[in-house]
Amino acid sequence: MAKRLIEVFTAGCYVCENAVKEIKALACPNCEVKVYDLNKKCDTNECETKAKQYGIN
């Protein structure tokens, strides 16, 4: 069975860290939580591409 993907976009701040911890705690066992820190960027630009695709500024 494929896992459900939960994508979280953060700015790498303290408030974001707490939100990510809560999301991970609430996620089901069949969920994969993937966190994109838009402050740190991604090696492959995947996080910026996905953010634009979803309309996140």
Protein backbone atom coordinates (compact mmCIF):
# COMPACT_ATOMS: atom_id res chain seq x y z
CA MET A 1 0.00 0.00 0.00
CA ALA A 2 1.39 3.39 -1.00
CA LYS A 3 1.85 5.97 1.71
CA ARG A 4 -0.05 9.24 1.61
CA LEU A 5 2.21 12.21 1.14
CA ILE A 6 1.80 15.26 3.35
CA GLU A 7 3.90 18.19 2.12
CA VAL A 8 4.67 20.98 4.56
CA PHE A 9 6.28 24.26 3.49
CA THR A 10 8.06 26.25 6.20
CA ALA A 11 10.20 29.33 6.61
CA GLY A 12 12.46 27.54 9.09
CA CYS A 13 11.27 29.59 12.07
CA TYR A 14 10.56 28.50 15.65
CA VAL A 15 6.79 28.58 15.13
CA CYS A 16 7.21 26.44 12.01
CA GLU A 17 9.21 23.84 13.96
CA ASN A 18 6.38 23.43 16.48
CA ALA A 19 3.79 23.15 13.71
CA VAL A 20 5.86 20.49 11.91
CA LYS A 21 6.20 18.49 15.15
CA GLU A 22 2.44 18.60 15.64
CA ILE A 23 1.74 17.60 12.02
CA LYS A 24 4.11 14.64 12.33
CA ALA A 25 2.46 13.59 15.59
CA LEU A 26 -1.02 13.74 14.01
CA ALA A 27 -0.09 12.00 10.76
CA CYS A 28 -1.38 8.46 10.32
CA PRO A 29 1.00 5.47 10.10
CA ASN A 30 0.38 5.35 6.33
CA CYS A 31 1.43 8.97 5.89
CA GLU A 32 4.82 10.32 4.89
CA VAL A 33 5.46 13.89 6.02
CA LYS A 34 7.85 15.77 3.74
CA VAL A 35 9.02 19.17 4.97
CA TYR A 36 10.31 21.84 2.61
CA ASP A 37 12.20 24.69 4.29
CA LEU A 38 11.92 27.52 1.79
CA ASN A 39 14.59 29.53 3.66
CA LYS A 40 17.24 26.84 3.15
CA LYS A 41 16.18 26.07 -0.44
CA CYS A 42 16.56 22.63 -2.00
CA ASP A 43 19.50 21.21 -3.93
CA THR A 44 17.21 20.34 -6.83
CA ASN A 45 14.89 23.41 -6.61
CA GLU A 46 12.06 20.94 -5.94
CA CYS A 47 10.72 22.99 -3.02
CA GLU A 48 10.54 26.23 -5.02
CA THR A 49 8.91 24.47 -7.97
CA LYS A 50 6.28 22.80 -5.78
CA ALA A 51 5.59 26.03 -3.89
CA LYS A 52 4.93 27.85 -7.18
CA GLN A 53 2.80 24.96 -8.43
CA TYR A 54 0.60 25.17 -5.30
CA GLY A 55 0.47 28.98 -5.36
CA ILE A 56 2.55 29.44 -2.21
CA ASN A 57 4.40 32.75 -1.98
